[in-house]
């Protein structure tokens, strides 16, 4: 059953990477190569062997996540490497402005007033990428980056909610693309969640799962 977000939501938070810009084969490829290089260094093997090791364990939507795949390969800081790949892989050349996303954010700001970014990326990367996709930094009340707190342990979401002490967790909606950090963790804190840029929905997840950010229009406005 779809919730009436317009009645309950007072603050909306967005993940940044692969949420405010869509996923693409080109971006995925660059990120994966970055991860393969890390595996190759750890396992002391070539890039082709590293790719095979990763793909044998990872299945899109059906097997281990990227970070859990790295953990299974003996790389203990798998979450850090996936985030590092999002930050440091050379994806900026593939980022392009999308007027529909800019318009959607403008409408969201007018409707809900309070919109923020909560991300595992560094502020410098967020600002650079916002410019690449032509989204105004000023449209967001706050940008909570990796230096403020961590999403993976939930502290970033607690910091976020503390900025709005008059609201309960149910008044917050977080929108992202990753099951663990963008749905399961905030959900434990009582925050409502929506996943976007999802190719294959998971019926076991009790949240709205959409193929694009644009689809949110019919639920939020």
N, C-alpha and C. Protein backbone atom coordinates (compact mmCIF):
# COMPACT_ATOMS: atom_id res chain seq x y z
N UNK A 1 0.85 -1.20 0.00
CA UNK A 1 0.00 0.00 0.00
C UNK A 1 0.89 1.26 0.00
N UNK A 2 0.65 2.17 -0.92
CA UNK A 2 1.44 3.38 -1.02
C UNK A 2 1.00 4.39 0.04
N UNK A 3 1.95 4.94 0.77
CA UNK A 3 1.64 5.88 1.83
C UNK A 3 1.33 7.25 1.24
N UNK A 4 0.59 8.03 2.02
CA UNK A 4 0.30 9.40 1.62
C UNK A 4 1.42 10.30 2.12
N UNK A 5 2.45 10.41 1.31
CA UNK A 5 3.64 11.15 1.73
C UNK A 5 3.33 12.63 1.95
N UNK A 6 2.40 13.17 1.18
CA UNK A 6 2.10 14.60 1.28
C UNK A 6 1.57 14.98 2.65
N UNK A 7 0.94 14.04 3.34
CA UNK A 7 0.38 14.34 4.66
C UNK A 7 1.39 14.17 5.78
N UNK A 8 2.33 13.25 5.61
CA UNK A 8 3.21 12.91 6.73
C UNK A 8 4.62 13.48 6.62
N UNK A 9 5.13 13.70 5.41
CA UNK A 9 6.54 14.07 5.25
C UNK A 9 6.75 15.58 5.39
N UNK A 10 7.72 15.92 6.22
CA UNK A 10 8.10 17.31 6.44
C UNK A 10 9.53 17.62 5.96
N UNK A 11 10.35 16.58 5.90
CA UNK A 11 11.75 16.75 5.50
C UNK A 11 12.13 15.61 4.55
N UNK A 12 12.77 15.95 3.44
CA UNK A 12 13.21 14.93 2.49
C UNK A 12 14.72 14.98 2.34
N UNK A 13 15.34 13.82 2.46
CA UNK A 13 16.78 13.71 2.27
C UNK A 13 17.09 12.86 1.05
N UNK A 14 18.14 13.23 0.33
CA UNK A 14 18.55 12.50 -0.86
C UNK A 14 19.97 11.97 -0.68
N UNK A 15 20.18 10.73 -1.06
CA UNK A 15 21.53 10.25 -1.31
C UNK A 15 22.03 11.03 -2.52
N UNK A 16 23.33 11.01 -2.78
CA UNK A 16 23.82 11.75 -3.94
C UNK A 16 24.21 10.85 -5.10
N UNK A 17 25.29 10.07 -4.92
CA UNK A 17 25.81 9.30 -6.05
C UNK A 17 24.81 8.26 -6.53
N UNK A 18 24.53 8.30 -7.83
CA UNK A 18 23.63 7.37 -8.52
C UNK A 18 22.18 7.46 -8.00
N UNK A 19 21.89 8.60 -7.36
CA UNK A 19 20.51 8.92 -6.99
C UNK A 19 20.09 10.22 -7.68
N UNK A 20 20.87 11.28 -7.50
CA UNK A 20 20.57 12.55 -8.15
C UNK A 20 21.09 12.61 -9.59
N UNK A 21 21.80 11.58 -9.98
CA UNK A 21 22.08 11.37 -11.40
C UNK A 21 21.87 9.88 -11.65
N UNK A 22 21.40 9.49 -12.83
CA UNK A 22 21.06 8.08 -13.07
C UNK A 22 22.28 7.20 -13.25
N UNK A 23 22.10 5.93 -12.99
CA UNK A 23 23.14 4.96 -13.29
C UNK A 23 23.24 4.80 -14.81
N UNK A 24 24.40 4.37 -15.27
CA UNK A 24 24.58 4.13 -16.71
C UNK A 24 25.64 3.05 -16.88
N UNK A 25 25.64 2.35 -18.00
CA UNK A 25 26.66 1.33 -18.24
C UNK A 25 28.07 1.91 -18.19
N UNK A 26 28.24 3.15 -18.68
CA UNK A 26 29.56 3.76 -18.70
C UNK A 26 30.06 4.02 -17.27
N UNK A 27 29.18 4.57 -16.43
CA UNK A 27 29.55 4.85 -15.05
C UNK A 27 29.82 3.55 -14.30
N UNK A 28 28.94 2.57 -14.49
CA UNK A 28 29.12 1.28 -13.83
C UNK A 28 30.46 0.65 -14.21
N UNK A 29 30.82 0.74 -15.49
CA UNK A 29 32.05 0.14 -15.98
C UNK A 29 33.28 0.78 -15.32
N UNK A 30 33.29 2.11 -15.23
CA UNK A 30 34.43 2.82 -14.63
C UNK A 30 34.55 2.47 -13.15
N UNK A 31 33.43 2.40 -12.45
CA UNK A 31 33.43 2.06 -11.03
C UNK A 31 33.92 0.62 -10.83
N UNK A 32 33.44 -0.29 -11.68
CA UNK A 32 33.85 -1.69 -11.55
C UNK A 32 35.34 -1.87 -11.79
N UNK A 33 35.88 -1.18 -12.79
CA UNK A 33 37.32 -1.28 -13.07
C UNK A 33 38.13 -0.79 -11.88
N UNK A 34 37.65 0.27 -11.24
CA UNK A 34 38.33 0.79 -10.05
C UNK A 34 38.36 -0.29 -8.96
N UNK A 35 37.22 -0.98 -8.78
CA UNK A 35 37.14 -2.04 -7.77
C UNK A 35 38.02 -3.22 -8.15
N UNK A 36 38.03 -3.58 -9.44
CA UNK A 36 38.88 -4.71 -9.89
C UNK A 36 40.35 -4.43 -9.59
N UNK A 37 40.77 -3.18 -9.76
CA UNK A 37 42.16 -2.82 -9.49
C UNK A 37 42.50 -3.02 -8.02
N UNK A 38 41.54 -2.71 -7.15
CA UNK A 38 41.74 -2.91 -5.71
C UNK A 38 41.85 -4.40 -5.40
N UNK A 39 41.01 -5.20 -6.04
CA UNK A 39 41.06 -6.66 -5.83
C UNK A 39 42.39 -7.20 -6.34
N UNK A 40 42.81 -6.77 -7.52
CA UNK A 40 44.06 -7.24 -8.12
C UNK A 40 45.24 -6.94 -7.20
N UNK A 41 45.24 -5.76 -6.60
CA UNK A 41 46.32 -5.39 -5.69
C UNK A 41 46.30 -6.26 -4.44
N UNK A 42 45.10 -6.49 -3.92
CA UNK A 42 44.96 -7.29 -2.69
C UNK A 42 45.32 -8.76 -2.93
N UNK A 43 44.86 -9.28 -4.08
CA UNK A 43 45.07 -10.71 -4.37
C UNK A 43 46.36 -10.97 -5.13
N UNK A 44 47.04 -9.88 -5.51
CA UNK A 44 48.28 -10.01 -6.29
C UNK A 44 48.04 -10.81 -7.58
N UNK A 45 47.04 -10.37 -8.32
CA UNK A 45 46.70 -11.02 -9.59
C UNK A 45 46.48 -9.95 -10.64
N UNK A 46 46.24 -10.36 -11.89
CA UNK A 46 46.01 -9.37 -12.94
C UNK A 46 44.54 -8.93 -12.92
N UNK A 47 44.25 -7.92 -13.73
CA UNK A 47 42.91 -7.32 -13.74
C UNK A 47 41.84 -8.30 -14.19
N UNK A 48 42.17 -9.15 -15.18
CA UNK A 48 41.21 -10.12 -15.68
C UNK A 48 40.84 -11.15 -14.60
N UNK A 49 41.84 -11.59 -13.87
CA UNK A 49 41.57 -12.53 -12.78
C UNK A 49 40.75 -11.88 -11.67
N UNK A 50 41.05 -10.63 -11.40
CA UNK A 50 40.31 -9.89 -10.38
C UNK A 50 38.84 -9.74 -10.78
N UNK A 51 38.60 -9.45 -12.04
CA UNK A 51 37.23 -9.33 -12.54
C UNK A 51 36.47 -10.65 -12.37
N UNK A 52 37.13 -11.76 -12.69
CA UNK A 52 36.49 -13.08 -12.56
C UNK A 52 36.18 -13.40 -11.10
N UNK A 53 37.11 -13.09 -10.22
CA UNK A 53 36.88 -13.32 -8.79
C UNK A 53 35.65 -12.57 -8.30
N UNK A 54 35.55 -11.33 -8.74
CA UNK A 54 34.42 -10.49 -8.32
C UNK A 54 33.11 -11.02 -8.90
N UNK A 55 33.09 -11.26 -10.21
CA UNK A 55 31.85 -11.66 -10.87
C UNK A 55 31.36 -13.04 -10.46
N UNK A 56 32.27 -13.91 -10.06
CA UNK A 56 31.87 -15.24 -9.60
C UNK A 56 31.03 -15.16 -8.32
N UNK A 57 31.25 -14.10 -7.54
CA UNK A 57 30.52 -13.94 -6.29
C UNK A 57 29.35 -12.96 -6.39
N UNK A 58 29.52 -11.98 -7.25
CA UNK A 58 28.52 -10.90 -7.33
C UNK A 58 27.50 -11.17 -8.43
N UNK A 59 26.25 -11.03 -8.08
CA UNK A 59 25.18 -11.11 -9.07
C UNK A 59 24.25 -9.95 -8.84
N UNK A 60 23.93 -9.22 -9.87
CA UNK A 60 23.13 -8.01 -9.75
C UNK A 60 21.74 -8.33 -9.20
N UNK A 61 21.53 -7.98 -7.94
CA UNK A 61 20.22 -8.15 -7.34
C UNK A 61 19.93 -9.54 -6.82
N UNK A 62 20.76 -10.52 -7.12
CA UNK A 62 20.47 -11.90 -6.72
C UNK A 62 21.51 -12.50 -5.78
N UNK A 63 22.64 -11.85 -5.66
CA UNK A 63 23.69 -12.42 -4.83
C UNK A 63 24.22 -11.40 -3.85
N UNK A 64 25.52 -11.42 -3.62
CA UNK A 64 26.13 -10.51 -2.67
C UNK A 64 26.19 -9.09 -3.23
N UNK A 65 26.11 -8.11 -2.33
CA UNK A 65 26.32 -6.73 -2.74
C UNK A 65 27.79 -6.53 -3.07
N UNK A 66 28.12 -5.36 -3.63
CA UNK A 66 29.51 -5.09 -3.96
C UNK A 66 30.42 -5.15 -2.75
N UNK A 67 30.01 -4.52 -1.64
CA UNK A 67 30.84 -4.50 -0.45
C UNK A 67 30.96 -5.89 0.18
N UNK A 68 29.88 -6.67 0.16
CA UNK A 68 29.92 -8.02 0.73
C UNK A 68 30.74 -8.97 -0.15
N UNK A 69 30.74 -8.71 -1.45
CA UNK A 69 31.59 -9.49 -2.34
C UNK A 69 33.06 -9.26 -2.01
N UNK A 70 33.42 -8.00 -1.79
CA UNK A 70 34.79 -7.68 -1.42
C UNK A 70 35.16 -8.31 -0.08
N UNK A 71 34.22 -8.30 0.85
CA UNK A 71 34.46 -8.93 2.15
C UNK A 71 34.70 -10.43 1.99
N UNK A 72 33.90 -11.07 1.12
CA UNK A 72 34.06 -12.50 0.85
C UNK A 72 35.41 -12.80 0.22
N UNK A 73 36.00 -11.82 -0.44
CA UNK A 73 37.32 -11.98 -1.04
C UNK A 73 38.44 -11.64 -0.06
N UNK A 74 38.07 -11.37 1.17
CA UNK A 74 39.07 -11.10 2.19
C UNK A 74 39.46 -9.64 2.31
N UNK A 75 38.70 -8.76 1.65
CA UNK A 75 38.99 -7.33 1.71
C UNK A 75 38.05 -6.73 2.75
N UNK A 76 38.55 -6.46 3.93
CA UNK A 76 37.71 -6.14 5.09
C UNK A 76 37.03 -4.77 4.98
N UNK A 77 37.66 -3.84 4.29
CA UNK A 77 37.07 -2.50 4.17
C UNK A 77 36.29 -2.35 2.86
N UNK A 78 35.48 -3.37 2.55
CA UNK A 78 34.74 -3.38 1.29
C UNK A 78 33.83 -2.18 1.11
N UNK A 79 33.14 -1.78 2.19
CA UNK A 79 32.23 -0.61 2.09
C UNK A 79 33.00 0.64 1.74
N UNK A 80 34.18 0.78 2.35
CA UNK A 80 34.99 1.96 2.08
C UNK A 80 35.45 1.98 0.63
N UNK A 81 35.78 0.82 0.08
CA UNK A 81 36.27 0.75 -1.29
C UNK A 81 35.15 1.08 -2.29
N UNK A 82 33.95 0.58 -2.03
CA UNK A 82 32.82 0.90 -2.91
C UNK A 82 32.57 2.40 -2.90
N UNK A 83 32.57 3.01 -1.70
CA UNK A 83 32.38 4.46 -1.61
C UNK A 83 33.53 5.20 -2.27
N UNK A 84 34.74 4.70 -2.06
CA UNK A 84 35.93 5.29 -2.67
C UNK A 84 35.83 5.25 -4.19
N UNK A 85 35.30 4.15 -4.71
CA UNK A 85 35.13 4.01 -6.16
C UNK A 85 34.15 5.06 -6.68
N UNK A 86 33.06 5.27 -5.95
CA UNK A 86 32.08 6.28 -6.35
C UNK A 86 32.71 7.67 -6.36
N UNK A 87 33.59 7.92 -5.42
CA UNK A 87 34.22 9.23 -5.30
C UNK A 87 35.36 9.45 -6.30
N UNK A 88 36.21 8.43 -6.43
CA UNK A 88 37.48 8.63 -7.13
C UNK A 88 37.53 8.10 -8.57
N UNK A 89 36.61 7.20 -8.92
CA UNK A 89 36.58 6.74 -10.31
C UNK A 89 36.25 7.93 -11.21
N UNK A 90 36.82 7.95 -12.37
CA UNK A 90 36.68 9.10 -13.28
C UNK A 90 35.34 9.05 -14.01
N UNK A 91 34.28 9.40 -13.26
CA UNK A 91 32.93 9.35 -13.86
C UNK A 91 32.42 10.72 -14.27
N UNK A 92 33.14 11.79 -13.90
CA UNK A 92 32.63 13.13 -14.15
C UNK A 92 32.36 13.40 -15.63
N UNK A 93 33.16 12.78 -16.49
CA UNK A 93 32.97 13.01 -17.93
C UNK A 93 31.66 12.42 -18.45
N UNK A 94 31.06 11.53 -17.65
CA UNK A 94 29.79 10.93 -18.06
C UNK A 94 28.58 11.63 -17.45
N UNK A 95 28.82 12.59 -16.57
CA UNK A 95 27.72 13.30 -15.91
C UNK A 95 27.23 14.43 -16.79
N UNK A 96 25.91 14.48 -16.97
CA UNK A 96 25.31 15.51 -17.82
C UNK A 96 24.09 16.11 -17.12
N UNK A 97 23.83 17.39 -17.36
CA UNK A 97 22.64 18.00 -16.77
C UNK A 97 21.37 17.36 -17.30
N UNK A 98 20.39 17.20 -16.44
CA UNK A 98 19.08 16.71 -16.83
C UNK A 98 18.05 17.71 -16.31
N UNK A 99 17.48 18.54 -17.19
CA UNK A 99 16.53 19.56 -16.75
C UNK A 99 15.34 18.99 -15.98
N UNK A 100 14.98 17.74 -16.26
CA UNK A 100 13.84 17.14 -15.56
C UNK A 100 14.14 16.93 -14.08
N UNK A 101 15.39 16.55 -13.77
CA UNK A 101 15.77 16.36 -12.36
C UNK A 101 15.85 17.70 -11.65
N UNK A 102 16.40 18.70 -12.31
CA UNK A 102 16.46 20.04 -11.71
C UNK A 102 15.06 20.57 -11.44
N UNK A 103 14.14 20.35 -12.39
CA UNK A 103 12.76 20.80 -12.20
C UNK A 103 12.09 20.03 -11.07
N UNK A 104 12.35 18.72 -11.00
CA UNK A 104 11.78 17.90 -9.92
C UNK A 104 12.23 18.40 -8.56
N UNK A 105 13.51 18.75 -8.42
CA UNK A 105 14.02 19.24 -7.15
C UNK A 105 13.43 20.60 -6.80
N UNK A 106 13.24 21.44 -7.80
CA UNK A 106 12.58 22.74 -7.57
C UNK A 106 11.17 22.54 -7.03
N UNK A 107 10.43 21.63 -7.64
CA UNK A 107 9.06 21.35 -7.19
C UNK A 107 9.05 20.76 -5.78
N UNK A 108 10.01 19.89 -5.52
CA UNK A 108 10.11 19.27 -4.19
C UNK A 108 10.39 20.33 -3.13
N UNK A 109 11.28 21.26 -3.45
CA UNK A 109 11.61 22.35 -2.52
C UNK A 109 10.37 23.20 -2.24
N UNK A 110 9.61 23.52 -3.26
CA UNK A 110 8.41 24.35 -3.08
C UNK A 110 7.36 23.64 -2.24
N UNK A 111 7.22 22.33 -2.46
CA UNK A 111 6.18 21.55 -1.78
C UNK A 111 6.54 21.26 -0.32
N UNK A 112 7.81 20.89 -0.07
CA UNK A 112 8.19 20.40 1.26
C UNK A 112 9.11 21.34 2.04
N UNK A 113 9.67 22.34 1.38
CA UNK A 113 10.54 23.35 1.99
C UNK A 113 11.91 22.81 2.44
N UNK A 114 11.88 21.68 3.16
CA UNK A 114 13.11 21.15 3.75
C UNK A 114 13.65 19.98 2.93
N UNK A 115 14.68 20.22 2.13
CA UNK A 115 15.32 19.12 1.40
C UNK A 115 16.83 19.18 1.62
N UNK A 116 17.43 18.01 1.83
CA UNK A 116 18.83 17.91 2.18
C UNK A 116 19.51 16.80 1.38
N UNK A 117 20.83 16.78 1.43
CA UNK A 117 21.62 15.65 0.92
C UNK A 117 22.32 15.00 2.10
N UNK A 118 22.22 13.67 2.18
CA UNK A 118 22.97 12.89 3.17
C UNK A 118 23.76 11.87 2.37
N UNK A 119 25.09 12.01 2.37
CA UNK A 119 25.92 11.21 1.47
C UNK A 119 27.19 10.72 2.14
N UNK A 120 27.71 9.63 1.63
CA UNK A 120 28.99 9.12 2.09
C UNK A 120 30.16 9.74 1.35
N UNK A 121 29.88 10.64 0.41
CA UNK A 121 30.94 11.30 -0.35
C UNK A 121 31.47 12.52 0.38
N UNK A 122 32.62 13.00 -0.06
CA UNK A 122 33.20 14.21 0.50
C UNK A 122 32.53 15.43 -0.12
N UNK A 123 32.49 16.50 0.64
CA UNK A 123 31.81 17.72 0.18
C UNK A 123 32.39 18.22 -1.14
N UNK A 124 33.71 18.16 -1.29
CA UNK A 124 34.33 18.67 -2.51
C UNK A 124 33.84 17.92 -3.74
N UNK A 125 33.65 16.60 -3.61
CA UNK A 125 33.15 15.81 -4.73
C UNK A 125 31.69 16.11 -5.02
N UNK A 126 30.91 16.30 -3.97
CA UNK A 126 29.49 16.63 -4.14
C UNK A 126 29.34 17.94 -4.89
N UNK A 127 30.07 18.96 -4.46
CA UNK A 127 29.97 20.28 -5.09
C UNK A 127 30.38 20.22 -6.56
N UNK A 128 31.47 19.50 -6.84
CA UNK A 128 31.94 19.36 -8.22
C UNK A 128 30.89 18.68 -9.10
N UNK A 129 30.30 17.60 -8.58
CA UNK A 129 29.32 16.85 -9.37
C UNK A 129 28.00 17.62 -9.52
N UNK A 130 27.61 18.37 -8.48
CA UNK A 130 26.41 19.20 -8.60
C UNK A 130 26.56 20.19 -9.75
N UNK A 131 27.76 20.75 -9.88
CA UNK A 131 28.01 21.69 -10.98
C UNK A 131 27.93 20.98 -12.33
N UNK A 132 28.45 19.75 -12.39
CA UNK A 132 28.43 18.99 -13.64
C UNK A 132 27.00 18.68 -14.09
N UNK A 133 26.12 18.42 -13.12
CA UNK A 133 24.74 18.08 -13.49
C UNK A 133 23.81 19.30 -13.39
N UNK A 134 24.41 20.47 -13.13
CA UNK A 134 23.70 21.75 -13.16
C UNK A 134 22.55 21.80 -12.15
N UNK A 135 22.85 21.37 -10.93
CA UNK A 135 21.89 21.49 -9.83
C UNK A 135 22.47 22.47 -8.82
N UNK A 136 21.66 23.44 -8.41
CA UNK A 136 22.12 24.49 -7.50
C UNK A 136 22.35 23.93 -6.10
N UNK A 137 23.51 24.18 -5.56
CA UNK A 137 23.80 23.76 -4.18
C UNK A 137 22.82 24.43 -3.21
N UNK A 138 22.43 25.65 -3.52
CA UNK A 138 21.60 26.45 -2.61
C UNK A 138 20.19 25.90 -2.43
N UNK A 139 19.76 24.98 -3.29
CA UNK A 139 18.41 24.44 -3.17
C UNK A 139 18.28 23.54 -1.94
N UNK A 140 19.40 23.06 -1.43
CA UNK A 140 19.40 22.16 -0.27
C UNK A 140 19.64 22.95 1.02
N UNK A 141 18.84 22.65 2.03
CA UNK A 141 19.04 23.29 3.33
C UNK A 141 20.42 22.93 3.89
N UNK A 142 20.75 21.63 3.81
CA UNK A 142 22.00 21.13 4.36
C UNK A 142 22.57 20.05 3.45
N UNK A 143 23.88 19.93 3.45
CA UNK A 143 24.54 18.79 2.83
C UNK A 143 25.38 18.11 3.92
N UNK A 144 24.96 16.91 4.28
CA UNK A 144 25.68 16.15 5.30
C UNK A 144 26.62 15.18 4.57
N UNK A 145 27.90 15.48 4.58
CA UNK A 145 28.85 14.66 3.84
C UNK A 145 29.56 13.70 4.80
N UNK A 146 30.54 12.97 4.28
CA UNK A 146 31.22 11.93 5.05
C UNK A 146 31.94 12.50 6.27
N UNK A 147 32.30 13.77 6.26
CA UNK A 147 33.02 14.35 7.38
C UNK A 147 32.13 14.62 8.58
N UNK A 148 30.81 14.66 8.34
CA UNK A 148 29.87 14.96 9.43
C UNK A 148 29.55 13.71 10.25
N UNK A 149 29.30 12.58 9.55
CA UNK A 149 28.95 11.32 10.21
C UNK A 149 28.82 10.26 9.13
N UNK A 150 28.67 9.00 9.58
CA UNK A 150 28.61 7.87 8.65
C UNK A 150 27.18 7.39 8.43
N UNK A 151 26.86 7.09 7.17
CA UNK A 151 25.57 6.48 6.87
C UNK A 151 25.54 5.03 7.32
N UNK A 152 26.66 4.34 7.20
CA UNK A 152 26.69 2.89 7.43
C UNK A 152 26.38 2.50 8.87
N UNK A 153 26.66 3.39 9.82
CA UNK A 153 26.32 3.08 11.21
C UNK A 153 25.09 3.85 11.69
N UNK A 154 24.46 4.58 10.78
CA UNK A 154 23.23 5.31 11.10
C UNK A 154 23.45 6.68 11.71
N UNK A 155 24.68 7.01 12.05
CA UNK A 155 24.91 8.29 12.73
C UNK A 155 24.58 9.50 11.85
N UNK A 156 24.79 9.38 10.54
CA UNK A 156 24.47 10.49 9.64
C UNK A 156 22.98 10.81 9.67
N UNK A 157 22.16 9.78 9.77
CA UNK A 157 20.71 10.00 9.81
C UNK A 157 20.28 10.60 11.15
N UNK A 158 20.96 10.23 12.22
CA UNK A 158 20.66 10.83 13.53
C UNK A 158 21.04 12.31 13.54
N UNK A 159 22.19 12.63 12.97
CA UNK A 159 22.60 14.03 12.86
C UNK A 159 21.57 14.81 12.05
N UNK A 160 21.13 14.22 10.95
CA UNK A 160 20.13 14.85 10.09
C UNK A 160 18.86 15.15 10.87
N UNK A 161 18.33 14.16 11.58
CA UNK A 161 17.08 14.36 12.31
C UNK A 161 17.24 15.38 13.43
N UNK A 162 18.42 15.46 14.03
CA UNK A 162 18.65 16.43 15.10
C UNK A 162 18.54 17.88 14.63
N UNK A 163 18.68 18.10 13.32
CA UNK A 163 18.53 19.44 12.77
C UNK A 163 17.07 19.88 12.73
N UNK A 164 16.16 18.94 12.90
CA UNK A 164 14.73 19.23 12.87
C UNK A 164 14.06 18.62 14.11
N UNK A 165 14.36 19.16 15.30
CA UNK A 165 13.91 18.53 16.55
C UNK A 165 12.40 18.50 16.76
N UNK A 166 11.66 19.31 16.02
CA UNK A 166 10.20 19.34 16.21
C UNK A 166 9.49 18.22 15.45
N UNK A 167 10.24 17.45 14.64
CA UNK A 167 9.62 16.39 13.85
C UNK A 167 10.02 15.01 14.38
N UNK A 168 9.12 14.03 14.16
CA UNK A 168 9.39 12.64 14.53
C UNK A 168 10.04 11.93 13.33
N UNK A 169 10.66 10.76 13.54
CA UNK A 169 11.27 10.04 12.42
C UNK A 169 10.32 9.79 11.26
N UNK A 170 9.03 9.58 11.55
CA UNK A 170 8.06 9.32 10.48
C UNK A 170 7.84 10.52 9.57
N UNK A 171 8.28 11.69 10.02
CA UNK A 171 8.15 12.90 9.20
C UNK A 171 9.30 13.06 8.22
N UNK A 172 10.25 12.12 8.27
CA UNK A 172 11.42 12.17 7.39
C UNK A 172 11.31 11.12 6.30
N UNK A 173 11.69 11.49 5.08
CA UNK A 173 11.75 10.56 3.95
C UNK A 173 13.15 10.61 3.37
N UNK A 174 13.76 9.43 3.22
CA UNK A 174 15.09 9.37 2.62
C UNK A 174 15.01 8.61 1.30
N UNK A 175 15.64 9.18 0.27
CA UNK A 175 15.58 8.63 -1.09
C UNK A 175 16.99 8.30 -1.55
N UNK A 176 17.21 7.04 -1.93
CA UNK A 176 18.52 6.62 -2.39
C UNK A 176 18.43 5.43 -3.32
N UNK A 177 19.56 4.81 -3.60
CA UNK A 177 19.57 3.71 -4.57
C UNK A 177 20.12 2.40 -4.02
N UNK A 178 20.66 2.41 -2.79
CA UNK A 178 21.29 1.21 -2.25
C UNK A 178 20.48 0.65 -1.09
N UNK A 179 20.23 -0.65 -1.13
CA UNK A 179 19.33 -1.29 -0.17
C UNK A 179 19.80 -1.10 1.27
N UNK A 180 21.05 -1.39 1.54
CA UNK A 180 21.53 -1.35 2.92
C UNK A 180 21.59 0.06 3.47
N UNK A 181 22.40 0.91 2.85
CA UNK A 181 22.65 2.24 3.41
C UNK A 181 21.49 3.21 3.21
N UNK A 182 20.66 2.98 2.19
CA UNK A 182 19.60 3.94 1.87
C UNK A 182 18.20 3.47 2.26
N UNK A 183 18.08 2.21 2.66
CA UNK A 183 16.76 1.70 3.09
C UNK A 183 16.83 1.02 4.46
N UNK A 184 17.59 -0.03 4.58
CA UNK A 184 17.57 -0.82 5.81
C UNK A 184 18.03 -0.02 7.03
N UNK A 185 19.11 0.74 6.88
CA UNK A 185 19.66 1.48 8.02
C UNK A 185 18.73 2.61 8.45
N UNK A 186 18.29 3.51 7.54
CA UNK A 186 17.35 4.55 7.99
C UNK A 186 16.01 3.99 8.46
N UNK A 187 15.57 2.89 7.87
CA UNK A 187 14.30 2.29 8.29
C UNK A 187 14.35 1.88 9.76
N UNK A 188 15.50 1.37 10.22
CA UNK A 188 15.65 0.97 11.63
C UNK A 188 15.46 2.16 12.57
N UNK A 189 15.69 3.36 12.06
CA UNK A 189 15.54 4.57 12.87
C UNK A 189 14.14 5.15 12.75
N UNK A 190 13.27 4.49 11.99
CA UNK A 190 11.90 4.96 11.82
C UNK A 190 11.68 5.91 10.66
N UNK A 191 12.74 6.14 9.87
CA UNK A 191 12.65 7.02 8.72
C UNK A 191 11.98 6.29 7.56
N UNK A 192 11.09 6.96 6.85
CA UNK A 192 10.49 6.37 5.66
C UNK A 192 11.49 6.42 4.51
N UNK A 193 11.44 5.45 3.62
CA UNK A 193 12.43 5.36 2.55
C UNK A 193 11.80 5.03 1.21
N UNK A 194 12.46 5.48 0.14
CA UNK A 194 12.12 5.11 -1.23
C UNK A 194 13.43 4.85 -1.97
N UNK A 195 13.48 3.77 -2.73
CA UNK A 195 14.65 3.48 -3.55
C UNK A 195 14.36 3.86 -5.00
N UNK A 196 15.32 4.48 -5.66
CA UNK A 196 15.17 4.90 -7.06
C UNK A 196 16.32 4.35 -7.89
N UNK A 197 16.15 4.44 -9.21
CA UNK A 197 17.12 3.90 -10.16
C UNK A 197 17.33 2.40 -9.94
N UNK A 198 16.23 1.72 -9.67
CA UNK A 198 16.23 0.28 -9.40
C UNK A 198 15.75 -0.46 -10.64
N UNK A 199 16.59 -1.35 -11.16
CA UNK A 199 16.21 -2.12 -12.36
C UNK A 199 15.19 -3.21 -12.03
N UNK A 200 15.50 -3.99 -11.00
CA UNK A 200 14.65 -5.12 -10.63
C UNK A 200 14.19 -4.97 -9.18
N UNK A 201 12.89 -4.84 -8.98
CA UNK A 201 12.38 -4.65 -7.64
C UNK A 201 12.48 -5.94 -6.83
N UNK A 202 12.63 -5.79 -5.53
CA UNK A 202 12.73 -6.91 -4.61
C UNK A 202 11.44 -6.95 -3.79
N UNK A 203 10.58 -7.95 -3.99
CA UNK A 203 9.30 -8.01 -3.28
C UNK A 203 9.45 -8.14 -1.77
N UNK A 204 10.62 -8.52 -1.30
CA UNK A 204 10.83 -8.68 0.14
C UNK A 204 11.10 -7.34 0.84
N UNK A 205 11.43 -6.32 0.08
CA UNK A 205 11.70 -5.02 0.66
C UNK A 205 10.39 -4.24 0.83
N UNK A 206 10.16 -3.75 2.02
CA UNK A 206 8.92 -3.03 2.30
C UNK A 206 9.13 -1.53 2.10
N UNK A 207 9.42 -1.20 0.86
CA UNK A 207 9.51 0.21 0.50
C UNK A 207 9.24 0.35 -0.99
N UNK A 208 8.88 1.55 -1.39
CA UNK A 208 8.65 1.84 -2.79
C UNK A 208 9.96 1.76 -3.55
N UNK A 209 9.96 1.06 -4.69
CA UNK A 209 11.16 0.90 -5.51
C UNK A 209 10.83 1.36 -6.93
N UNK A 210 11.52 2.38 -7.40
CA UNK A 210 11.19 3.01 -8.67
C UNK A 210 12.37 2.94 -9.64
N UNK A 211 12.04 2.96 -10.92
CA UNK A 211 13.09 2.87 -11.94
C UNK A 211 13.84 4.18 -12.14
N UNK A 212 13.25 5.29 -11.73
CA UNK A 212 13.92 6.58 -11.89
C UNK A 212 13.45 7.57 -10.83
N UNK A 213 14.23 8.61 -10.65
CA UNK A 213 13.86 9.68 -9.73
C UNK A 213 12.59 10.38 -10.21
N UNK A 214 12.43 10.46 -11.52
CA UNK A 214 11.28 11.12 -12.11
C UNK A 214 9.95 10.51 -11.68
N UNK A 215 9.94 9.20 -11.45
CA UNK A 215 8.70 8.52 -11.07
C UNK A 215 8.16 8.99 -9.72
N UNK A 216 8.99 9.66 -8.96
CA UNK A 216 8.56 10.14 -7.64
C UNK A 216 7.47 11.21 -7.73
N UNK A 217 7.37 11.86 -8.88
CA UNK A 217 6.40 12.94 -9.03
C UNK A 217 4.99 12.52 -8.63
N UNK A 218 4.58 11.32 -9.06
CA UNK A 218 3.20 10.91 -8.79
C UNK A 218 2.94 10.53 -7.35
N UNK A 219 4.03 10.37 -6.58
CA UNK A 219 3.86 10.01 -5.16
C UNK A 219 4.05 11.18 -4.22
N UNK A 220 4.83 12.16 -4.63
CA UNK A 220 5.16 13.27 -3.74
C UNK A 220 4.32 14.52 -3.95
N UNK A 221 3.77 14.71 -5.15
CA UNK A 221 3.06 15.96 -5.45
C UNK A 221 1.56 15.72 -5.63
